[in-house]
N, C-alpha and C. Protein backbone atom coordinates (compact mmCIF):
# COMPACT_ATOMS: atom_id res chain seq x y z
N MET A 1 8.21 -63.18 -35.49
CA MET A 1 6.83 -62.71 -35.45
C MET A 1 6.81 -61.18 -35.52
N LEU A 2 5.85 -60.63 -36.23
CA LEU A 2 5.75 -59.19 -36.35
C LEU A 2 5.29 -58.57 -35.03
N PRO A 3 5.73 -57.35 -34.74
CA PRO A 3 5.32 -56.70 -33.49
C PRO A 3 3.83 -56.40 -33.51
N ALA A 4 3.24 -56.39 -32.33
CA ALA A 4 1.82 -56.06 -32.21
C ALA A 4 1.59 -54.62 -32.64
N LEU A 5 0.40 -54.36 -33.19
CA LEU A 5 0.06 -53.00 -33.59
C LEU A 5 -0.05 -52.12 -32.35
N GLN A 6 0.45 -50.91 -32.47
CA GLN A 6 0.42 -49.95 -31.37
C GLN A 6 -0.09 -48.62 -31.88
N LYS A 7 -0.56 -47.78 -30.96
CA LYS A 7 -0.97 -46.44 -31.33
C LYS A 7 -0.61 -45.49 -30.20
N ARG A 8 -0.10 -44.32 -30.57
CA ARG A 8 0.20 -43.29 -29.57
C ARG A 8 -0.39 -42.00 -30.09
N GLY A 9 -1.33 -41.44 -29.37
CA GLY A 9 -1.99 -40.21 -29.82
C GLY A 9 -2.77 -40.47 -31.10
N SER A 10 -2.73 -39.50 -32.02
CA SER A 10 -3.48 -39.64 -33.25
C SER A 10 -2.61 -40.08 -34.43
N VAL A 11 -1.32 -40.32 -34.17
CA VAL A 11 -0.41 -40.73 -35.23
C VAL A 11 0.07 -42.14 -34.93
N MET A 12 0.07 -43.00 -35.93
CA MET A 12 0.56 -44.35 -35.73
C MET A 12 2.03 -44.31 -35.38
N THR A 13 2.46 -45.19 -34.50
CA THR A 13 3.85 -45.23 -34.08
C THR A 13 4.68 -46.11 -35.00
N ALA A 14 5.99 -46.03 -34.84
CA ALA A 14 6.90 -46.82 -35.66
C ALA A 14 6.69 -48.31 -35.43
N GLY A 15 6.05 -48.72 -34.33
CA GLY A 15 5.79 -50.12 -34.06
C GLY A 15 4.73 -50.73 -34.95
N GLN A 16 3.96 -49.91 -35.60
CA GLN A 16 2.91 -50.41 -36.48
C GLN A 16 3.44 -50.58 -37.89
N HIS A 17 3.23 -51.73 -38.45
CA HIS A 17 3.66 -51.97 -39.82
C HIS A 17 2.57 -52.76 -40.55
N PRO A 18 1.47 -52.10 -40.87
CA PRO A 18 0.39 -52.81 -41.55
C PRO A 18 0.58 -52.84 -43.07
N THR A 19 -0.21 -53.69 -43.69
CA THR A 19 -0.39 -53.65 -45.14
C THR A 19 -1.82 -53.23 -45.39
N VAL A 20 -1.98 -52.12 -46.08
CA VAL A 20 -3.30 -51.65 -46.50
C VAL A 20 -3.52 -52.24 -47.89
N TRP A 21 -4.47 -53.15 -48.01
CA TRP A 21 -4.71 -53.87 -49.26
C TRP A 21 -5.93 -53.27 -49.94
N LEU A 22 -5.70 -52.50 -51.01
CA LEU A 22 -6.78 -51.88 -51.77
C LEU A 22 -7.21 -52.84 -52.87
N THR A 23 -8.47 -53.22 -52.87
CA THR A 23 -9.01 -54.14 -53.87
C THR A 23 -10.21 -53.50 -54.55
N GLY A 24 -10.36 -53.75 -55.83
CA GLY A 24 -11.48 -53.21 -56.60
C GLY A 24 -11.22 -53.38 -58.08
N LEU A 25 -12.18 -53.00 -58.87
CA LEU A 25 -12.08 -53.15 -60.32
C LEU A 25 -11.00 -52.25 -60.91
N SER A 26 -10.59 -52.57 -62.12
CA SER A 26 -9.69 -51.71 -62.87
C SER A 26 -10.36 -50.36 -63.06
N GLY A 27 -9.64 -49.29 -62.78
CA GLY A 27 -10.19 -47.95 -62.91
C GLY A 27 -10.94 -47.45 -61.69
N ALA A 28 -10.97 -48.24 -60.62
CA ALA A 28 -11.70 -47.84 -59.42
C ALA A 28 -11.00 -46.70 -58.67
N GLY A 29 -9.68 -46.59 -58.83
CA GLY A 29 -8.94 -45.55 -58.14
C GLY A 29 -7.95 -46.07 -57.13
N LYS A 30 -7.68 -47.37 -57.16
CA LYS A 30 -6.78 -47.97 -56.18
C LYS A 30 -5.38 -47.36 -56.21
N SER A 31 -4.80 -47.24 -57.39
CA SER A 31 -3.44 -46.70 -57.50
C SER A 31 -3.38 -45.23 -57.09
N SER A 32 -4.38 -44.46 -57.47
CA SER A 32 -4.42 -43.04 -57.09
C SER A 32 -4.52 -42.90 -55.57
N ILE A 33 -5.36 -43.70 -54.96
CA ILE A 33 -5.50 -43.68 -53.50
C ILE A 33 -4.18 -44.11 -52.85
N ALA A 34 -3.58 -45.18 -53.38
CA ALA A 34 -2.33 -45.69 -52.81
C ALA A 34 -1.24 -44.62 -52.83
N GLU A 35 -1.07 -43.97 -53.95
CA GLU A 35 -0.02 -42.95 -54.06
C GLU A 35 -0.30 -41.75 -53.16
N ALA A 36 -1.55 -41.31 -53.12
CA ALA A 36 -1.90 -40.17 -52.27
C ALA A 36 -1.75 -40.51 -50.79
N LEU A 37 -2.16 -41.72 -50.40
CA LEU A 37 -2.00 -42.15 -49.01
C LEU A 37 -0.52 -42.24 -48.66
N ALA A 38 0.29 -42.77 -49.56
CA ALA A 38 1.73 -42.87 -49.31
C ALA A 38 2.34 -41.49 -49.08
N ARG A 39 1.96 -40.52 -49.91
CA ARG A 39 2.47 -39.16 -49.72
C ARG A 39 2.09 -38.62 -48.35
N ARG A 40 0.84 -38.84 -47.95
CA ARG A 40 0.36 -38.34 -46.66
C ARG A 40 1.12 -38.99 -45.50
N LEU A 41 1.29 -40.31 -45.57
CA LEU A 41 1.98 -41.01 -44.49
C LEU A 41 3.46 -40.64 -44.44
N LYS A 42 4.09 -40.45 -45.59
CA LYS A 42 5.49 -40.03 -45.63
C LYS A 42 5.64 -38.64 -45.01
N ALA A 43 4.68 -37.77 -45.27
CA ALA A 43 4.71 -36.42 -44.69
C ALA A 43 4.60 -36.48 -43.17
N GLN A 44 4.00 -37.54 -42.64
CA GLN A 44 3.90 -37.74 -41.19
C GLN A 44 5.12 -38.44 -40.62
N GLY A 45 6.09 -38.73 -41.48
CA GLY A 45 7.31 -39.37 -41.02
C GLY A 45 7.29 -40.88 -41.06
N ARG A 46 6.29 -41.46 -41.71
CA ARG A 46 6.17 -42.92 -41.79
C ARG A 46 7.05 -43.47 -42.90
N ALA A 47 7.62 -44.63 -42.68
CA ALA A 47 8.31 -45.38 -43.74
C ALA A 47 7.24 -46.18 -44.47
N VAL A 48 7.04 -45.88 -45.73
CA VAL A 48 5.92 -46.47 -46.47
C VAL A 48 6.35 -46.78 -47.90
N THR A 49 5.75 -47.80 -48.47
CA THR A 49 5.97 -48.12 -49.87
C THR A 49 4.65 -48.57 -50.49
N VAL A 50 4.58 -48.44 -51.80
CA VAL A 50 3.40 -48.86 -52.55
C VAL A 50 3.77 -50.06 -53.41
N LEU A 51 2.96 -51.09 -53.35
CA LEU A 51 3.04 -52.22 -54.27
C LEU A 51 1.83 -52.10 -55.18
N ASP A 52 2.08 -51.88 -56.46
CA ASP A 52 1.00 -51.67 -57.42
C ASP A 52 0.94 -52.84 -58.39
N GLY A 53 -0.25 -53.34 -58.63
CA GLY A 53 -0.43 -54.49 -59.50
C GLY A 53 0.19 -54.32 -60.88
N ASP A 54 -0.02 -53.18 -61.51
CA ASP A 54 0.56 -52.94 -62.83
C ASP A 54 2.07 -52.95 -62.78
N GLN A 55 2.65 -52.31 -61.77
CA GLN A 55 4.10 -52.25 -61.66
C GLN A 55 4.71 -53.62 -61.42
N LEU A 56 4.14 -54.41 -60.52
CA LEU A 56 4.70 -55.72 -60.25
C LEU A 56 4.57 -56.66 -61.45
N ARG A 57 3.56 -56.45 -62.28
CA ARG A 57 3.41 -57.30 -63.47
C ARG A 57 4.45 -56.96 -64.54
N HIS A 58 5.16 -55.85 -64.40
CA HIS A 58 6.24 -55.52 -65.32
C HIS A 58 7.59 -56.03 -64.83
N GLY A 59 7.64 -56.54 -63.61
CA GLY A 59 8.90 -57.00 -63.04
C GLY A 59 8.74 -58.37 -62.40
N LEU A 60 8.59 -58.38 -61.08
CA LEU A 60 8.52 -59.61 -60.31
C LEU A 60 7.51 -60.62 -60.87
N ASN A 61 6.39 -60.14 -61.31
CA ASN A 61 5.31 -61.03 -61.76
C ASN A 61 5.10 -61.02 -63.27
N ARG A 62 6.11 -60.63 -64.03
CA ARG A 62 5.96 -60.53 -65.48
C ARG A 62 5.73 -61.87 -66.16
N ASP A 63 6.06 -62.96 -65.47
CA ASP A 63 5.85 -64.29 -66.05
C ASP A 63 4.43 -64.81 -65.85
N LEU A 64 3.58 -64.02 -65.25
CA LEU A 64 2.22 -64.46 -64.95
C LEU A 64 1.20 -63.84 -65.89
N GLY A 65 0.20 -64.62 -66.24
CA GLY A 65 -0.91 -64.13 -67.05
C GLY A 65 -2.10 -63.80 -66.15
N PHE A 66 -3.29 -64.02 -66.67
CA PHE A 66 -4.50 -63.64 -65.94
C PHE A 66 -5.44 -64.81 -65.72
N THR A 67 -4.92 -66.03 -65.82
CA THR A 67 -5.73 -67.20 -65.47
C THR A 67 -5.96 -67.16 -63.96
N PRO A 68 -6.96 -67.87 -63.47
CA PRO A 68 -7.14 -67.90 -62.01
C PRO A 68 -5.89 -68.37 -61.27
N GLU A 69 -5.17 -69.34 -61.83
CA GLU A 69 -3.95 -69.83 -61.19
C GLU A 69 -2.87 -68.75 -61.16
N ASP A 70 -2.71 -68.02 -62.26
CA ASP A 70 -1.72 -66.95 -62.31
C ASP A 70 -2.10 -65.79 -61.40
N ARG A 71 -3.37 -65.46 -61.33
CA ARG A 71 -3.81 -64.40 -60.42
C ARG A 71 -3.51 -64.79 -58.97
N HIS A 72 -3.75 -66.06 -58.65
CA HIS A 72 -3.48 -66.58 -57.31
C HIS A 72 -1.99 -66.42 -56.99
N GLU A 73 -1.12 -66.81 -57.91
CA GLU A 73 0.31 -66.71 -57.70
C GLU A 73 0.75 -65.25 -57.60
N ASN A 74 0.14 -64.36 -58.38
CA ASN A 74 0.43 -62.93 -58.31
C ASN A 74 0.17 -62.41 -56.90
N ILE A 75 -0.97 -62.77 -56.35
CA ILE A 75 -1.33 -62.31 -55.00
C ILE A 75 -0.43 -62.96 -53.95
N ARG A 76 -0.10 -64.24 -54.11
CA ARG A 76 0.77 -64.92 -53.16
C ARG A 76 2.14 -64.24 -53.10
N ARG A 77 2.73 -64.00 -54.25
CA ARG A 77 4.04 -63.34 -54.29
C ARG A 77 3.98 -61.95 -53.67
N THR A 78 2.94 -61.22 -54.00
CA THR A 78 2.80 -59.87 -53.47
C THR A 78 2.67 -59.89 -51.95
N ALA A 79 1.87 -60.82 -51.43
CA ALA A 79 1.70 -60.92 -49.98
C ALA A 79 3.02 -61.27 -49.30
N GLU A 80 3.81 -62.14 -49.91
CA GLU A 80 5.11 -62.49 -49.34
C GLU A 80 6.02 -61.25 -49.28
N VAL A 81 6.03 -60.47 -50.36
CA VAL A 81 6.83 -59.24 -50.39
C VAL A 81 6.33 -58.26 -49.32
N ALA A 82 5.02 -58.10 -49.23
CA ALA A 82 4.45 -57.19 -48.23
C ALA A 82 4.83 -57.62 -46.82
N ARG A 83 4.77 -58.92 -46.54
CA ARG A 83 5.13 -59.43 -45.21
C ARG A 83 6.59 -59.10 -44.89
N LEU A 84 7.46 -59.30 -45.86
CA LEU A 84 8.88 -58.98 -45.65
C LEU A 84 9.08 -57.49 -45.39
N MET A 85 8.37 -56.67 -46.16
CA MET A 85 8.50 -55.22 -45.99
C MET A 85 7.93 -54.77 -44.65
N ASN A 86 6.79 -55.35 -44.23
CA ASN A 86 6.25 -55.03 -42.91
C ASN A 86 7.26 -55.38 -41.83
N GLY A 87 7.89 -56.54 -41.97
CA GLY A 87 8.88 -56.98 -41.00
C GLY A 87 10.11 -56.08 -40.95
N ALA A 88 10.39 -55.41 -42.07
CA ALA A 88 11.52 -54.49 -42.13
C ALA A 88 11.15 -53.09 -41.65
N GLY A 89 9.91 -52.91 -41.22
CA GLY A 89 9.50 -51.63 -40.66
C GLY A 89 8.76 -50.70 -41.60
N LEU A 90 8.28 -51.22 -42.72
CA LEU A 90 7.55 -50.40 -43.68
C LEU A 90 6.05 -50.64 -43.60
N THR A 91 5.29 -49.58 -43.73
CA THR A 91 3.87 -49.70 -43.99
C THR A 91 3.75 -49.93 -45.48
N VAL A 92 2.98 -50.93 -45.87
CA VAL A 92 2.81 -51.28 -47.28
C VAL A 92 1.39 -50.92 -47.70
N ILE A 93 1.29 -50.28 -48.85
CA ILE A 93 -0.01 -50.02 -49.46
C ILE A 93 -0.02 -50.82 -50.76
N ALA A 94 -0.87 -51.83 -50.82
CA ALA A 94 -0.95 -52.72 -51.97
C ALA A 94 -2.21 -52.40 -52.77
N ALA A 95 -2.04 -52.07 -54.05
CA ALA A 95 -3.16 -51.73 -54.93
C ALA A 95 -3.29 -52.82 -55.99
N PHE A 96 -4.22 -53.74 -55.78
CA PHE A 96 -4.40 -54.89 -56.65
C PHE A 96 -5.88 -55.16 -56.86
N ILE A 97 -6.27 -55.49 -58.09
CA ILE A 97 -7.65 -55.88 -58.33
C ILE A 97 -8.00 -57.02 -57.38
N SER A 98 -7.14 -58.00 -57.30
CA SER A 98 -7.30 -59.17 -56.42
C SER A 98 -8.77 -59.59 -56.34
N PRO A 99 -9.30 -60.15 -57.44
CA PRO A 99 -10.74 -60.38 -57.54
C PRO A 99 -11.30 -61.51 -56.69
N SER A 100 -10.46 -62.37 -56.13
CA SER A 100 -10.95 -63.54 -55.41
C SER A 100 -10.89 -63.34 -53.89
N CYS A 101 -12.01 -63.61 -53.23
CA CYS A 101 -12.03 -63.56 -51.76
C CYS A 101 -11.02 -64.54 -51.18
N ALA A 102 -10.91 -65.72 -51.78
CA ALA A 102 -9.99 -66.74 -51.28
C ALA A 102 -8.54 -66.26 -51.39
N ASP A 103 -8.20 -65.58 -52.49
CA ASP A 103 -6.84 -65.08 -52.64
C ASP A 103 -6.53 -63.97 -51.65
N ARG A 104 -7.51 -63.10 -51.39
CA ARG A 104 -7.29 -62.06 -50.40
C ARG A 104 -7.16 -62.64 -49.00
N ALA A 105 -7.91 -63.71 -48.71
CA ALA A 105 -7.78 -64.40 -47.42
C ALA A 105 -6.40 -65.03 -47.30
N MET A 106 -5.89 -65.59 -48.40
CA MET A 106 -4.54 -66.15 -48.40
C MET A 106 -3.54 -65.04 -48.12
N ALA A 107 -3.70 -63.88 -48.75
CA ALA A 107 -2.80 -62.75 -48.52
C ALA A 107 -2.82 -62.35 -47.05
N ALA A 108 -4.01 -62.30 -46.46
CA ALA A 108 -4.12 -61.95 -45.04
C ALA A 108 -3.41 -62.97 -44.16
N ALA A 109 -3.51 -64.24 -44.52
CA ALA A 109 -2.84 -65.29 -43.74
C ALA A 109 -1.33 -65.17 -43.85
N ILE A 110 -0.82 -64.85 -45.03
CA ILE A 110 0.62 -64.71 -45.23
C ILE A 110 1.14 -63.49 -44.48
N ILE A 111 0.46 -62.37 -44.63
CA ILE A 111 0.89 -61.11 -44.02
C ILE A 111 0.68 -61.14 -42.51
N GLY A 112 -0.39 -61.79 -42.09
CA GLY A 112 -0.79 -61.82 -40.69
C GLY A 112 -2.05 -60.99 -40.53
N ALA A 113 -3.09 -61.59 -40.04
CA ALA A 113 -4.39 -60.91 -39.95
C ALA A 113 -4.31 -59.59 -39.20
N ALA A 114 -3.45 -59.50 -38.19
CA ALA A 114 -3.34 -58.27 -37.40
C ALA A 114 -2.71 -57.14 -38.20
N HIS A 115 -2.07 -57.46 -39.32
CA HIS A 115 -1.36 -56.46 -40.12
C HIS A 115 -2.02 -56.21 -41.47
N PHE A 116 -3.07 -56.95 -41.77
CA PHE A 116 -3.74 -56.88 -43.07
C PHE A 116 -5.01 -56.05 -42.95
N ILE A 117 -5.07 -54.94 -43.68
CA ILE A 117 -6.23 -54.06 -43.65
C ILE A 117 -6.83 -54.05 -45.05
N GLU A 118 -7.94 -54.76 -45.20
CA GLU A 118 -8.58 -54.86 -46.52
C GLU A 118 -9.50 -53.65 -46.73
N VAL A 119 -9.26 -52.95 -47.84
CA VAL A 119 -10.06 -51.78 -48.19
C VAL A 119 -10.68 -52.03 -49.56
N HIS A 120 -12.00 -52.02 -49.60
CA HIS A 120 -12.72 -52.24 -50.85
C HIS A 120 -12.97 -50.90 -51.54
N VAL A 121 -12.33 -50.71 -52.67
CA VAL A 121 -12.59 -49.53 -53.49
C VAL A 121 -13.76 -49.95 -54.39
N SER A 122 -14.96 -49.64 -53.94
CA SER A 122 -16.19 -50.24 -54.48
C SER A 122 -16.83 -49.44 -55.61
N THR A 123 -16.04 -48.73 -56.35
CA THR A 123 -16.53 -47.88 -57.43
C THR A 123 -17.31 -48.71 -58.45
N PRO A 124 -18.50 -48.25 -58.83
CA PRO A 124 -19.33 -49.02 -59.77
C PRO A 124 -18.64 -49.23 -61.13
N LEU A 125 -18.97 -50.35 -61.75
CA LEU A 125 -18.39 -50.72 -63.04
C LEU A 125 -18.55 -49.61 -64.08
N ALA A 126 -19.71 -48.99 -64.14
CA ALA A 126 -19.94 -47.93 -65.14
C ALA A 126 -18.97 -46.76 -64.95
N VAL A 127 -18.68 -46.42 -63.71
CA VAL A 127 -17.73 -45.33 -63.43
C VAL A 127 -16.32 -45.76 -63.83
N CYS A 128 -15.96 -46.99 -63.51
CA CYS A 128 -14.64 -47.51 -63.88
C CYS A 128 -14.47 -47.51 -65.39
N GLU A 129 -15.49 -47.94 -66.11
CA GLU A 129 -15.42 -47.95 -67.58
C GLU A 129 -15.30 -46.54 -68.14
N ALA A 130 -15.99 -45.59 -67.56
CA ALA A 130 -15.93 -44.21 -68.04
C ALA A 130 -14.54 -43.61 -67.83
N ARG A 131 -13.81 -44.08 -66.82
CA ARG A 131 -12.46 -43.58 -66.51
C ARG A 131 -11.37 -44.28 -67.30
N ASP A 132 -11.70 -45.29 -68.04
CA ASP A 132 -10.72 -46.20 -68.64
C ASP A 132 -9.91 -45.54 -69.74
N VAL A 133 -8.82 -44.89 -69.37
CA VAL A 133 -7.99 -44.17 -70.34
C VAL A 133 -7.21 -45.12 -71.26
N LYS A 134 -6.98 -46.36 -70.81
CA LYS A 134 -6.24 -47.33 -71.63
C LYS A 134 -7.14 -48.09 -72.60
N GLY A 135 -8.45 -47.92 -72.46
CA GLY A 135 -9.38 -48.63 -73.35
C GLY A 135 -9.50 -50.12 -73.08
N LEU A 136 -9.14 -50.54 -71.87
CA LEU A 136 -9.15 -51.96 -71.55
C LEU A 136 -10.56 -52.55 -71.52
N TYR A 137 -11.50 -51.81 -70.97
CA TYR A 137 -12.87 -52.32 -70.92
C TYR A 137 -13.44 -52.49 -72.33
N ALA A 138 -13.19 -51.53 -73.21
CA ALA A 138 -13.67 -51.63 -74.59
C ALA A 138 -13.04 -52.84 -75.28
N LYS A 139 -11.75 -53.05 -75.07
CA LYS A 139 -11.08 -54.21 -75.66
C LYS A 139 -11.65 -55.51 -75.11
N ALA A 140 -11.92 -55.54 -73.80
CA ALA A 140 -12.50 -56.74 -73.19
C ALA A 140 -13.89 -57.01 -73.72
N ARG A 141 -14.70 -55.95 -73.86
CA ARG A 141 -16.06 -56.14 -74.38
C ARG A 141 -16.06 -56.55 -75.85
N ALA A 142 -14.99 -56.18 -76.56
CA ALA A 142 -14.86 -56.59 -77.97
C ALA A 142 -14.23 -57.98 -78.10
N GLY A 143 -13.90 -58.60 -76.97
CA GLY A 143 -13.32 -59.94 -76.98
C GLY A 143 -11.82 -59.97 -77.23
N ARG A 144 -11.16 -58.81 -77.18
CA ARG A 144 -9.72 -58.76 -77.44
C ARG A 144 -8.88 -58.97 -76.19
N ILE A 145 -9.51 -58.93 -75.01
CA ILE A 145 -8.83 -59.25 -73.75
C ILE A 145 -9.66 -60.33 -73.06
N ALA A 146 -9.05 -61.48 -72.88
CA ALA A 146 -9.74 -62.58 -72.21
C ALA A 146 -9.60 -62.43 -70.70
N GLU A 147 -10.56 -62.95 -69.97
CA GLU A 147 -10.54 -62.99 -68.51
C GLU A 147 -10.27 -61.63 -67.88
N PHE A 148 -11.01 -60.63 -68.33
CA PHE A 148 -10.88 -59.27 -67.79
C PHE A 148 -11.89 -59.09 -66.67
N THR A 149 -11.41 -58.79 -65.49
CA THR A 149 -12.25 -58.68 -64.30
C THR A 149 -13.36 -57.64 -64.49
N GLY A 150 -14.57 -58.06 -64.19
CA GLY A 150 -15.73 -57.18 -64.30
C GLY A 150 -16.46 -57.33 -65.62
N VAL A 151 -15.78 -57.92 -66.62
CA VAL A 151 -16.40 -58.11 -67.94
C VAL A 151 -16.50 -59.61 -68.23
N SER A 152 -15.37 -60.27 -68.38
CA SER A 152 -15.37 -61.69 -68.71
C SER A 152 -14.78 -62.56 -67.60
N ALA A 153 -14.46 -61.97 -66.48
CA ALA A 153 -14.00 -62.68 -65.29
C ALA A 153 -14.65 -62.04 -64.07
N PRO A 154 -14.98 -62.85 -63.07
CA PRO A 154 -15.72 -62.32 -61.92
C PRO A 154 -14.86 -61.50 -60.96
N TYR A 155 -15.52 -60.62 -60.23
CA TYR A 155 -14.92 -59.92 -59.10
C TYR A 155 -15.78 -60.23 -57.88
N GLU A 156 -15.16 -60.76 -56.84
CA GLU A 156 -15.86 -61.07 -55.59
C GLU A 156 -15.58 -59.95 -54.60
N ALA A 157 -16.59 -59.17 -54.30
CA ALA A 157 -16.44 -58.08 -53.34
C ALA A 157 -16.11 -58.65 -51.96
N PRO A 158 -15.31 -57.93 -51.19
CA PRO A 158 -14.99 -58.40 -49.83
C PRO A 158 -16.26 -58.56 -49.00
N LEU A 159 -16.25 -59.57 -48.16
CA LEU A 159 -17.39 -59.83 -47.29
C LEU A 159 -17.36 -58.97 -46.04
N ALA A 160 -16.16 -58.61 -45.59
CA ALA A 160 -16.03 -57.83 -44.36
C ALA A 160 -14.80 -56.92 -44.44
N ALA A 161 -14.79 -56.04 -45.43
CA ALA A 161 -13.67 -55.10 -45.56
C ALA A 161 -13.60 -54.19 -44.35
N ALA A 162 -12.39 -53.81 -43.99
CA ALA A 162 -12.21 -52.87 -42.87
C ALA A 162 -12.79 -51.50 -43.22
N LEU A 163 -12.78 -51.18 -44.52
CA LEU A 163 -13.26 -49.88 -44.98
C LEU A 163 -13.71 -50.04 -46.42
N THR A 164 -14.75 -49.32 -46.81
CA THR A 164 -15.23 -49.31 -48.18
C THR A 164 -15.22 -47.88 -48.67
N LEU A 165 -14.65 -47.68 -49.87
CA LEU A 165 -14.55 -46.35 -50.48
C LEU A 165 -15.14 -46.42 -51.88
N ASP A 166 -16.09 -45.58 -52.18
CA ASP A 166 -16.66 -45.49 -53.53
C ASP A 166 -16.16 -44.20 -54.15
N THR A 167 -15.16 -44.31 -55.01
CA THR A 167 -14.58 -43.11 -55.61
C THR A 167 -15.47 -42.52 -56.70
N GLY A 168 -16.60 -43.16 -56.94
CA GLY A 168 -17.61 -42.55 -57.81
C GLY A 168 -18.33 -41.42 -57.10
N THR A 169 -18.34 -41.48 -55.78
CA THR A 169 -18.99 -40.43 -54.99
C THR A 169 -18.01 -39.68 -54.08
N LEU A 170 -16.86 -40.28 -53.79
CA LEU A 170 -15.87 -39.64 -52.92
C LEU A 170 -14.71 -39.10 -53.75
N ALA A 171 -14.29 -37.89 -53.44
CA ALA A 171 -13.10 -37.33 -54.07
C ALA A 171 -11.87 -38.06 -53.52
N LEU A 172 -10.78 -37.98 -54.24
CA LEU A 172 -9.55 -38.65 -53.84
C LEU A 172 -9.14 -38.24 -52.42
N GLU A 173 -9.13 -36.95 -52.14
CA GLU A 173 -8.71 -36.49 -50.82
C GLU A 173 -9.61 -37.00 -49.70
N GLU A 174 -10.92 -37.09 -49.96
CA GLU A 174 -11.83 -37.62 -48.93
C GLU A 174 -11.56 -39.11 -48.71
N SER A 175 -11.28 -39.84 -49.78
CA SER A 175 -10.94 -41.27 -49.63
C SER A 175 -9.69 -41.42 -48.77
N VAL A 176 -8.67 -40.63 -49.06
CA VAL A 176 -7.42 -40.70 -48.29
C VAL A 176 -7.67 -40.29 -46.85
N GLU A 177 -8.46 -39.26 -46.64
CA GLU A 177 -8.77 -38.81 -45.28
C GLU A 177 -9.47 -39.91 -44.49
N ARG A 178 -10.42 -40.59 -45.10
CA ARG A 178 -11.12 -41.69 -44.42
C ARG A 178 -10.15 -42.82 -44.07
N LEU A 179 -9.25 -43.11 -44.99
CA LEU A 179 -8.25 -44.14 -44.73
C LEU A 179 -7.33 -43.74 -43.58
N CYS A 180 -6.89 -42.50 -43.57
CA CYS A 180 -6.03 -42.03 -42.47
C CYS A 180 -6.75 -42.10 -41.14
N ARG A 181 -8.01 -41.70 -41.12
CA ARG A 181 -8.78 -41.79 -39.87
C ARG A 181 -8.89 -43.23 -39.41
N HIS A 182 -9.11 -44.14 -40.35
CA HIS A 182 -9.20 -45.56 -40.00
C HIS A 182 -7.87 -46.05 -39.42
N LEU A 183 -6.77 -45.70 -40.03
CA LEU A 183 -5.46 -46.14 -39.55
C LEU A 183 -5.16 -45.58 -38.16
N GLN A 184 -5.61 -44.37 -37.90
CA GLN A 184 -5.38 -43.75 -36.58
C GLN A 184 -6.17 -44.46 -35.48
N GLN A 185 -7.24 -45.16 -35.85
CA GLN A 185 -8.09 -45.82 -34.86
C GLN A 185 -7.67 -47.26 -34.60
N LEU A 186 -6.59 -47.71 -35.22
CA LEU A 186 -6.16 -49.10 -34.99
C LEU A 186 -5.84 -49.30 -33.54
N PRO A 187 -6.15 -50.49 -33.03
CA PRO A 187 -5.87 -50.77 -31.59
C PRO A 187 -4.38 -50.77 -31.31
């Protein structure tokens, strides 16, 4: 069993090993937030790693597509890896679209509810599309990408996220600062 979350002063102690699960549309800023948060936590002496949806789909999850079943398996595998890393003493920051509430609930159950911190990067679709450097939204709207979240596949916003960040109105540093403040307040 994973150790209970602890806090000493304003800095999380080595006894805490949460998974911060960033969920939101493509282009919302999940990966940017994850990398910036990881740098901040490492500077505080934390052992931290980032699990990024794009990166895992090039390795561990390269055999998966984007059907609902494949998305489910992508999240299941990621949650299992996060649980193992938490158990090894790492704080995990997971940046995944993870469009299904049920799949995120499954991830929380695998990781352990006490260690799962769901963060909704709630950036509006129009902002995400405007940031789309890969042209994925345009391809999806042209019918060249099937089952693209936010266009031809649904995204279910979290019902009770621990924190909500709209990077359409918040700068990256403010998003990271809010996340750090939230982590410092853990019981």
